[in-house]
Amino acid sequence: MQEDMKSVSSKTFDFVNHELEVDKIIRSKFNDSQMSNAKWKKLFMLISVNCPEIYAIWKFIDSDSDGVGLIGSPEISELEDTYINHKFWFGPRYYKEIQWLSFPKIVKKAGFENVPVCNTVQNTDFLLNELNKVGHWPIEETNNGFTIFGHR
């Protein structure tokens, strides 16, 4: 038993292999990559300064789900050149692993989607205006906010 625990604890994450797998997924699933590492970092820095508690739905390239919710954004100190060094439930991630981020105007609390008083309204127009002041973004506006695309 002790030998099994030793072998488990000695395993390390293979970053090189992981990035090769990420690149393979991107090539196989998407026709166009629309955000660079620098642009993702710029986006998160802007959010961290102007709207640190904004709710976003994250969609990663290797996920079959319709996205996962998260309140708040990475802190500036967690923004590396090629990845987010944050311990979200999904762990540190390369920027290029983000398929899209969606910013809803109305955030519906899980389990209470049909109870309007449990909804949170957020000012996505303010964030969109701030983004448009500093660059051009692959944005698609919707009735309930907007989405920024990393890959399509």
N, C-alpha and C. Protein backbone atom coordinates (compact mmCIF):
# COMPACT_ATOMS: atom_id res chain seq x y z
N MET A 1 0.82 -1.20 0.00
CA MET A 1 0.00 0.00 0.00
C MET A 1 0.86 1.25 0.00
N GLN A 2 1.89 1.26 0.82
CA GLN A 2 2.76 2.43 0.90
C GLN A 2 3.45 2.67 -0.43
N GLU A 3 3.82 1.62 -1.14
CA GLU A 3 4.46 1.77 -2.44
C GLU A 3 3.52 2.40 -3.46
N ASP A 4 2.21 2.02 -3.40
CA ASP A 4 1.23 2.61 -4.31
C ASP A 4 1.10 4.11 -4.07
N MET A 5 1.07 4.52 -2.82
CA MET A 5 0.95 5.95 -2.49
C MET A 5 2.19 6.71 -2.97
N LYS A 6 3.34 6.10 -2.87
CA LYS A 6 4.57 6.74 -3.31
C LYS A 6 4.54 6.97 -4.82
N SER A 7 4.06 5.98 -5.58
CA SER A 7 4.02 6.14 -7.03
C SER A 7 3.00 7.20 -7.44
N VAL A 8 1.88 7.28 -6.73
CA VAL A 8 0.87 8.30 -7.03
C VAL A 8 1.43 9.69 -6.75
N SER A 9 2.10 9.87 -5.63
CA SER A 9 2.60 11.19 -5.25
C SER A 9 3.78 11.62 -6.10
N SER A 10 4.44 10.70 -6.79
CA SER A 10 5.59 11.08 -7.60
C SER A 10 5.19 11.44 -9.03
N LYS A 11 3.93 11.25 -9.39
CA LYS A 11 3.48 11.59 -10.74
C LYS A 11 3.46 13.11 -10.89
N THR A 12 3.91 13.58 -12.05
CA THR A 12 3.89 15.00 -12.34
C THR A 12 3.07 15.25 -13.59
N PHE A 13 2.54 16.43 -13.67
CA PHE A 13 1.74 16.80 -14.84
C PHE A 13 2.68 17.10 -16.00
N ASP A 14 2.39 16.54 -17.15
CA ASP A 14 3.21 16.72 -18.35
C ASP A 14 2.67 17.90 -19.15
N PHE A 15 3.22 19.10 -18.89
CA PHE A 15 2.73 20.31 -19.55
C PHE A 15 2.95 20.27 -21.06
N VAL A 16 4.06 19.73 -21.50
CA VAL A 16 4.35 19.67 -22.93
C VAL A 16 3.32 18.81 -23.63
N ASN A 17 3.06 17.63 -23.10
CA ASN A 17 2.08 16.74 -23.70
C ASN A 17 0.68 17.36 -23.66
N HIS A 18 0.36 18.01 -22.56
CA HIS A 18 -0.94 18.65 -22.45
C HIS A 18 -1.12 19.72 -23.53
N GLU A 19 -0.12 20.54 -23.73
CA GLU A 19 -0.24 21.59 -24.75
C GLU A 19 -0.35 20.99 -26.14
N LEU A 20 0.35 19.91 -26.41
CA LEU A 20 0.22 19.23 -27.70
C LEU A 20 -1.21 18.72 -27.90
N GLU A 21 -1.79 18.17 -26.83
CA GLU A 21 -3.18 17.70 -26.90
C GLU A 21 -4.15 18.86 -27.12
N VAL A 22 -3.92 19.97 -26.45
CA VAL A 22 -4.76 21.16 -26.62
C VAL A 22 -4.70 21.63 -28.07
N ASP A 23 -3.51 21.73 -28.64
CA ASP A 23 -3.35 22.15 -30.03
C ASP A 23 -4.05 21.20 -31.00
N LYS A 24 -3.99 19.92 -30.69
CA LYS A 24 -4.65 18.90 -31.52
C LYS A 24 -6.17 19.09 -31.49
N ILE A 25 -6.73 19.34 -30.31
CA ILE A 25 -8.17 19.58 -30.17
C ILE A 25 -8.57 20.82 -30.96
N ILE A 26 -7.80 21.88 -30.83
CA ILE A 26 -8.12 23.13 -31.54
C ILE A 26 -8.13 22.90 -33.04
N ARG A 27 -7.12 22.22 -33.56
CA ARG A 27 -7.06 21.96 -35.01
C ARG A 27 -8.22 21.10 -35.49
N SER A 28 -8.65 20.16 -34.66
CA SER A 28 -9.70 19.24 -35.10
C SER A 28 -11.12 19.81 -34.96
N LYS A 29 -11.33 20.75 -34.05
CA LYS A 29 -12.68 21.22 -33.76
C LYS A 29 -13.03 22.61 -34.30
N PHE A 30 -12.02 23.42 -34.61
CA PHE A 30 -12.29 24.82 -34.92
C PHE A 30 -11.63 25.26 -36.22
N ASN A 31 -12.31 26.17 -36.91
CA ASN A 31 -11.78 26.73 -38.14
C ASN A 31 -10.98 28.00 -37.90
N ASP A 32 -11.28 28.69 -36.80
CA ASP A 32 -10.68 30.00 -36.59
C ASP A 32 -10.40 30.23 -35.11
N SER A 33 -9.18 30.66 -34.80
CA SER A 33 -8.84 31.10 -33.45
C SER A 33 -8.81 32.62 -33.47
N GLN A 34 -9.57 33.23 -32.57
CA GLN A 34 -9.80 34.67 -32.65
C GLN A 34 -9.16 35.48 -31.54
N MET A 35 -8.60 34.82 -30.55
CA MET A 35 -7.98 35.54 -29.43
C MET A 35 -6.56 35.03 -29.22
N SER A 36 -5.63 35.96 -29.04
CA SER A 36 -4.25 35.62 -28.72
C SER A 36 -4.09 35.60 -27.20
N ASN A 37 -2.96 35.08 -26.74
CA ASN A 37 -2.67 35.11 -25.31
C ASN A 37 -2.69 36.54 -24.79
N ALA A 38 -2.07 37.45 -25.53
CA ALA A 38 -2.01 38.86 -25.10
C ALA A 38 -3.40 39.47 -25.00
N LYS A 39 -4.27 39.10 -25.91
CA LYS A 39 -5.63 39.66 -25.89
C LYS A 39 -6.44 39.11 -24.71
N TRP A 40 -6.29 37.81 -24.44
CA TRP A 40 -6.97 37.24 -23.26
C TRP A 40 -6.48 37.92 -22.00
N LYS A 41 -5.16 38.09 -21.89
CA LYS A 41 -4.59 38.72 -20.70
C LYS A 41 -5.11 40.15 -20.55
N LYS A 42 -5.17 40.88 -21.65
CA LYS A 42 -5.70 42.25 -21.65
C LYS A 42 -7.15 42.27 -21.19
N LEU A 43 -7.94 41.32 -21.68
CA LEU A 43 -9.35 41.21 -21.29
C LEU A 43 -9.48 40.99 -19.79
N PHE A 44 -8.75 40.01 -19.26
CA PHE A 44 -8.85 39.70 -17.83
C PHE A 44 -8.32 40.83 -16.95
N MET A 45 -7.32 41.55 -17.43
CA MET A 45 -6.82 42.70 -16.67
C MET A 45 -7.90 43.79 -16.62
N LEU A 46 -8.54 44.04 -17.74
CA LEU A 46 -9.61 45.04 -17.78
C LEU A 46 -10.76 44.64 -16.86
N ILE A 47 -11.16 43.38 -16.90
CA ILE A 47 -12.24 42.90 -16.04
C ILE A 47 -11.83 43.01 -14.57
N SER A 48 -10.60 42.62 -14.25
CA SER A 48 -10.13 42.65 -12.86
C SER A 48 -10.18 44.06 -12.29
N VAL A 49 -9.88 45.05 -13.10
CA VAL A 49 -9.88 46.44 -12.65
C VAL A 49 -11.29 47.03 -12.62
N ASN A 50 -12.10 46.78 -13.66
CA ASN A 50 -13.39 47.44 -13.82
C ASN A 50 -14.60 46.67 -13.31
N CYS A 51 -14.55 45.36 -13.37
CA CYS A 51 -15.72 44.53 -13.01
C CYS A 51 -15.27 43.22 -12.36
N PRO A 52 -14.54 43.27 -11.26
CA PRO A 52 -13.95 42.04 -10.71
C PRO A 52 -14.97 41.00 -10.26
N GLU A 53 -16.18 41.40 -9.95
CA GLU A 53 -17.18 40.44 -9.47
C GLU A 53 -18.18 40.02 -10.55
N ILE A 54 -17.91 40.38 -11.80
CA ILE A 54 -18.87 40.04 -12.85
C ILE A 54 -18.93 38.52 -13.04
N TYR A 55 -20.11 38.04 -13.29
CA TYR A 55 -20.36 36.62 -13.48
C TYR A 55 -20.12 36.28 -14.95
N ALA A 56 -19.38 35.23 -15.21
CA ALA A 56 -19.13 34.77 -16.57
C ALA A 56 -19.39 33.27 -16.65
N ILE A 57 -19.78 32.84 -17.81
CA ILE A 57 -19.91 31.41 -18.11
C ILE A 57 -18.73 31.07 -19.01
N TRP A 58 -17.94 30.10 -18.59
CA TRP A 58 -16.73 29.70 -19.30
C TRP A 58 -17.00 28.42 -20.08
N LYS A 59 -16.57 28.39 -21.33
CA LYS A 59 -16.64 27.17 -22.15
C LYS A 59 -15.22 26.84 -22.61
N PHE A 60 -14.78 25.64 -22.27
CA PHE A 60 -13.44 25.20 -22.64
C PHE A 60 -13.51 24.27 -23.84
N ILE A 61 -12.43 24.24 -24.61
CA ILE A 61 -12.40 23.48 -25.87
C ILE A 61 -12.58 21.99 -25.67
N ASP A 62 -12.22 21.47 -24.50
CA ASP A 62 -12.29 20.03 -24.26
C ASP A 62 -13.53 19.61 -23.49
N SER A 63 -14.49 20.52 -23.36
CA SER A 63 -15.69 20.23 -22.59
C SER A 63 -16.90 20.08 -23.50
N ASP A 64 -17.72 19.09 -23.18
CA ASP A 64 -18.96 18.88 -23.93
C ASP A 64 -20.13 19.65 -23.33
N SER A 65 -19.91 20.28 -22.17
CA SER A 65 -20.99 21.02 -21.52
C SER A 65 -21.23 22.35 -22.23
N ASP A 66 -22.30 23.02 -21.86
CA ASP A 66 -22.62 24.33 -22.41
C ASP A 66 -21.93 25.44 -21.65
N GLY A 67 -20.94 25.12 -20.89
CA GLY A 67 -20.19 26.09 -20.12
C GLY A 67 -20.40 25.91 -18.64
N VAL A 68 -19.48 26.47 -17.87
CA VAL A 68 -19.56 26.43 -16.41
C VAL A 68 -19.52 27.84 -15.88
N GLY A 69 -20.27 28.09 -14.81
CA GLY A 69 -20.35 29.43 -14.26
C GLY A 69 -19.25 29.71 -13.26
N LEU A 70 -18.93 30.99 -13.14
CA LEU A 70 -17.91 31.42 -12.20
C LEU A 70 -18.17 32.88 -11.86
N ILE A 71 -18.15 33.21 -10.58
CA ILE A 71 -18.28 34.60 -10.19
C ILE A 71 -16.89 35.13 -9.93
N GLY A 72 -16.63 36.31 -10.44
CA GLY A 72 -15.32 36.92 -10.28
C GLY A 72 -14.37 36.49 -11.39
N SER A 73 -13.28 37.18 -11.48
CA SER A 73 -12.31 36.88 -12.52
C SER A 73 -10.95 36.64 -11.88
N PRO A 74 -10.02 36.12 -12.66
CA PRO A 74 -8.68 35.93 -12.10
C PRO A 74 -8.10 37.29 -11.69
N GLU A 75 -7.28 37.27 -10.67
CA GLU A 75 -6.60 38.49 -10.25
C GLU A 75 -5.42 38.76 -11.18
N ILE A 76 -5.02 40.00 -11.27
CA ILE A 76 -3.93 40.38 -12.16
C ILE A 76 -2.68 39.55 -11.89
N SER A 77 -2.39 39.28 -10.63
CA SER A 77 -1.19 38.51 -10.28
C SER A 77 -1.26 37.06 -10.78
N GLU A 78 -2.43 36.59 -11.18
CA GLU A 78 -2.61 35.21 -11.66
C GLU A 78 -2.54 35.12 -13.18
N LEU A 79 -2.34 36.24 -13.85
CA LEU A 79 -2.33 36.27 -15.31
C LEU A 79 -0.89 36.15 -15.82
N GLU A 80 -0.56 34.98 -16.28
CA GLU A 80 0.77 34.74 -16.85
C GLU A 80 0.71 35.06 -18.35
N ASP A 81 1.83 34.92 -19.04
CA ASP A 81 1.85 35.25 -20.47
C ASP A 81 1.03 34.29 -21.32
N THR A 82 0.98 33.01 -20.94
CA THR A 82 0.28 32.03 -21.78
C THR A 82 -0.85 31.29 -21.07
N TYR A 83 -1.02 31.53 -19.77
CA TYR A 83 -2.03 30.80 -19.03
C TYR A 83 -2.50 31.58 -17.81
N ILE A 84 -3.63 31.13 -17.25
CA ILE A 84 -4.15 31.68 -16.00
C ILE A 84 -3.65 30.78 -14.89
N ASN A 85 -2.92 31.33 -13.98
CA ASN A 85 -2.35 30.58 -12.86
C ASN A 85 -3.27 30.73 -11.65
N HIS A 86 -4.46 30.18 -11.78
CA HIS A 86 -5.49 30.30 -10.74
C HIS A 86 -6.02 28.91 -10.45
N LYS A 87 -6.36 28.68 -9.22
CA LYS A 87 -6.84 27.35 -8.82
C LYS A 87 -8.36 27.28 -8.83
N PHE A 88 -8.97 27.66 -9.99
CA PHE A 88 -10.40 27.44 -10.15
C PHE A 88 -10.64 25.95 -9.97
N TRP A 89 -11.89 25.53 -9.97
CA TRP A 89 -12.15 24.10 -9.87
C TRP A 89 -11.61 23.37 -11.09
N PHE A 90 -11.32 24.09 -12.17
CA PHE A 90 -10.77 23.46 -13.36
C PHE A 90 -9.25 23.61 -13.42
N GLY A 91 -8.64 24.19 -12.41
CA GLY A 91 -7.19 24.31 -12.33
C GLY A 91 -6.63 25.36 -13.26
N PRO A 92 -5.31 25.55 -13.24
CA PRO A 92 -4.70 26.49 -14.19
C PRO A 92 -5.00 26.05 -15.61
N ARG A 93 -5.20 27.02 -16.50
CA ARG A 93 -5.52 26.71 -17.90
C ARG A 93 -4.78 27.66 -18.83
N TYR A 94 -4.36 27.12 -19.98
CA TYR A 94 -3.84 27.97 -21.04
C TYR A 94 -4.99 28.83 -21.55
N TYR A 95 -4.67 30.06 -21.94
CA TYR A 95 -5.71 30.93 -22.52
C TYR A 95 -6.35 30.27 -23.73
N LYS A 96 -5.53 29.59 -24.53
CA LYS A 96 -6.05 28.99 -25.76
C LYS A 96 -7.03 27.85 -25.50
N GLU A 97 -7.19 27.43 -24.24
CA GLU A 97 -8.18 26.40 -23.91
C GLU A 97 -9.59 26.99 -23.75
N ILE A 98 -9.70 28.32 -23.74
CA ILE A 98 -11.00 28.96 -23.59
C ILE A 98 -11.66 29.05 -24.96
N GLN A 99 -12.79 28.36 -25.10
CA GLN A 99 -13.54 28.43 -26.36
C GLN A 99 -14.31 29.74 -26.41
N TRP A 100 -14.99 30.06 -25.31
CA TRP A 100 -15.69 31.35 -25.20
C TRP A 100 -15.98 31.68 -23.75
N LEU A 101 -16.25 32.96 -23.53
CA LEU A 101 -16.74 33.46 -22.24
C LEU A 101 -18.02 34.22 -22.53
N SER A 102 -19.05 33.93 -21.77
CA SER A 102 -20.33 34.60 -21.93
C SER A 102 -20.63 35.41 -20.68
N PHE A 103 -21.07 36.65 -20.88
CA PHE A 103 -21.39 37.55 -19.77
C PHE A 103 -22.88 37.86 -19.83
N PRO A 104 -23.70 37.17 -19.02
CA PRO A 104 -25.15 37.38 -19.05
C PRO A 104 -25.57 38.62 -18.27
N LYS A 105 -26.59 39.32 -18.79
CA LYS A 105 -27.16 40.46 -18.07
C LYS A 105 -27.90 40.00 -16.83
N ILE A 106 -28.61 38.87 -16.98
CA ILE A 106 -29.37 38.32 -15.85
C ILE A 106 -28.77 36.97 -15.49
N VAL A 107 -28.30 36.86 -14.25
CA VAL A 107 -27.72 35.62 -13.76
C VAL A 107 -28.78 34.93 -12.92
N LYS A 108 -29.11 33.71 -13.33
CA LYS A 108 -30.13 32.94 -12.62
C LYS A 108 -29.46 31.96 -11.67
N LYS A 109 -29.81 32.05 -10.40
CA LYS A 109 -29.23 31.18 -9.38
C LYS A 109 -29.66 29.73 -9.62
N ALA A 110 -28.68 28.82 -9.63
CA ALA A 110 -28.96 27.41 -9.85
C ALA A 110 -30.00 26.89 -8.86
N GLY A 111 -31.00 26.21 -9.38
CA GLY A 111 -32.07 25.68 -8.55
C GLY A 111 -33.22 26.65 -8.34
N PHE A 112 -32.99 27.92 -8.69
CA PHE A 112 -34.01 28.96 -8.51
C PHE A 112 -34.23 29.75 -9.80
N GLU A 113 -33.99 29.11 -10.94
CA GLU A 113 -34.07 29.78 -12.23
C GLU A 113 -35.41 30.46 -12.49
N ASN A 114 -36.49 29.89 -11.94
CA ASN A 114 -37.83 30.43 -12.18
C ASN A 114 -38.32 31.36 -11.07
N VAL A 115 -37.41 31.77 -10.19
CA VAL A 115 -37.77 32.68 -9.10
C VAL A 115 -37.06 34.01 -9.36
N PRO A 116 -37.76 34.97 -9.98
CA PRO A 116 -37.12 36.23 -10.39
C PRO A 116 -36.39 36.97 -9.28
N VAL A 117 -36.86 36.93 -8.05
CA VAL A 117 -36.19 37.67 -6.98
C VAL A 117 -34.82 37.07 -6.64
N CYS A 118 -34.56 35.87 -7.10
CA CYS A 118 -33.26 35.24 -6.86
C CYS A 118 -32.25 35.56 -7.97
N ASN A 119 -32.72 36.21 -9.03
CA ASN A 119 -31.84 36.57 -10.14
C ASN A 119 -30.97 37.76 -9.77
N THR A 120 -29.79 37.83 -10.36
CA THR A 120 -28.89 38.96 -10.20
C THR A 120 -28.77 39.65 -11.55
N VAL A 121 -28.92 40.96 -11.55
CA VAL A 121 -28.76 41.74 -12.79
C VAL A 121 -27.37 42.36 -12.75
N GLN A 122 -26.62 42.20 -13.84
CA GLN A 122 -25.30 42.80 -13.90
C GLN A 122 -25.18 43.71 -15.12
N ASN A 123 -24.33 44.69 -15.00
CA ASN A 123 -24.20 45.73 -16.02
C ASN A 123 -23.21 45.30 -17.10
N THR A 124 -23.67 44.45 -18.00
CA THR A 124 -22.80 43.99 -19.08
C THR A 124 -22.55 45.10 -20.10
N ASP A 125 -23.48 46.06 -20.20
CA ASP A 125 -23.27 47.18 -21.12
C ASP A 125 -22.03 47.98 -20.72
N PHE A 126 -21.84 48.17 -19.41
CA PHE A 126 -20.66 48.88 -18.93
C PHE A 126 -19.39 48.15 -19.35
N LEU A 127 -19.34 46.83 -19.13
CA LEU A 127 -18.16 46.05 -19.50
C LEU A 127 -17.94 46.11 -21.01
N LEU A 128 -18.99 45.96 -21.79
CA LEU A 128 -18.87 46.01 -23.24
C LEU A 128 -18.31 47.36 -23.70
N ASN A 129 -18.79 48.45 -23.11
CA ASN A 129 -18.28 49.79 -23.44
C ASN A 129 -16.80 49.92 -23.08
N GLU A 130 -16.42 49.41 -21.92
CA GLU A 130 -15.01 49.46 -21.50
C GLU A 130 -14.13 48.65 -22.46
N LEU A 131 -14.60 47.49 -22.87
CA LEU A 131 -13.85 46.66 -23.82
C LEU A 131 -13.67 47.38 -25.15
N ASN A 132 -14.74 48.00 -25.63
CA ASN A 132 -14.68 48.68 -26.92
C ASN A 132 -13.77 49.91 -26.90
N LYS A 133 -13.49 50.46 -25.73
CA LYS A 133 -12.57 51.59 -25.61
C LYS A 133 -11.12 51.18 -25.86
N VAL A 134 -10.80 49.91 -25.59
CA VAL A 134 -9.39 49.50 -25.65
C VAL A 134 -9.06 48.50 -26.76
N GLY A 135 -10.02 48.15 -27.60
CA GLY A 135 -9.71 47.21 -28.67
C GLY A 135 -10.92 46.68 -29.40
N HIS A 136 -10.63 45.83 -30.37
CA HIS A 136 -11.67 45.14 -31.13
C HIS A 136 -11.68 43.69 -30.67
N TRP A 137 -12.86 43.17 -30.40
CA TRP A 137 -13.01 41.86 -29.80
C TRP A 137 -13.96 41.00 -30.63
N PRO A 138 -13.75 39.70 -30.65
CA PRO A 138 -14.69 38.79 -31.34
C PRO A 138 -15.93 38.58 -30.47
N ILE A 139 -16.82 39.58 -30.49
CA ILE A 139 -17.99 39.60 -29.61
C ILE A 139 -19.26 39.34 -30.40
N GLU A 140 -20.13 38.57 -29.79
CA GLU A 140 -21.48 38.37 -30.32
C GLU A 140 -22.44 38.81 -29.22
N GLU A 141 -23.23 39.84 -29.51
CA GLU A 141 -24.20 40.32 -28.54
C GLU A 141 -25.46 39.46 -28.61
N THR A 142 -26.08 39.25 -27.45
CA THR A 142 -27.31 38.48 -27.36
C THR A 142 -28.34 39.31 -26.59
N ASN A 143 -29.56 38.79 -26.49
CA ASN A 143 -30.59 39.47 -25.69
C ASN A 143 -30.22 39.50 -24.22
N ASN A 144 -29.38 38.59 -23.78
CA ASN A 144 -29.02 38.51 -22.37
C ASN A 144 -27.51 38.71 -22.16
N GLY A 145 -26.92 39.70 -22.85
CA GLY A 145 -25.52 40.00 -22.64
C GLY A 145 -24.70 39.83 -23.89
N PHE A 146 -23.49 39.25 -23.73
CA PHE A 146 -22.61 39.05 -24.88
C PHE A 146 -21.63 37.91 -24.61
N THR A 147 -21.04 37.43 -25.70
CA THR A 147 -20.06 36.34 -25.64
C THR A 147 -18.82 36.78 -26.39
N ILE A 148 -17.65 36.49 -25.81
CA ILE A 148 -16.37 36.70 -26.47
C ILE A 148 -15.84 35.34 -26.87
N PHE A 149 -15.48 35.20 -28.15
CA PHE A 149 -15.06 33.91 -28.68
C PHE A 149 -13.54 33.81 -28.78
N GLY A 150 -13.02 32.71 -28.29
CA GLY A 150 -11.61 32.38 -28.50
C GLY A 150 -11.43 31.56 -29.75
N HIS A 151 -12.40 30.68 -30.01
CA HIS A 151 -12.36 29.80 -31.19
C HIS A 151 -13.77 29.64 -31.74
N ARG A 152 -13.84 29.51 -33.04
CA ARG A 152 -15.13 29.21 -33.69
C ARG A 152 -14.93 28.12 -34.72
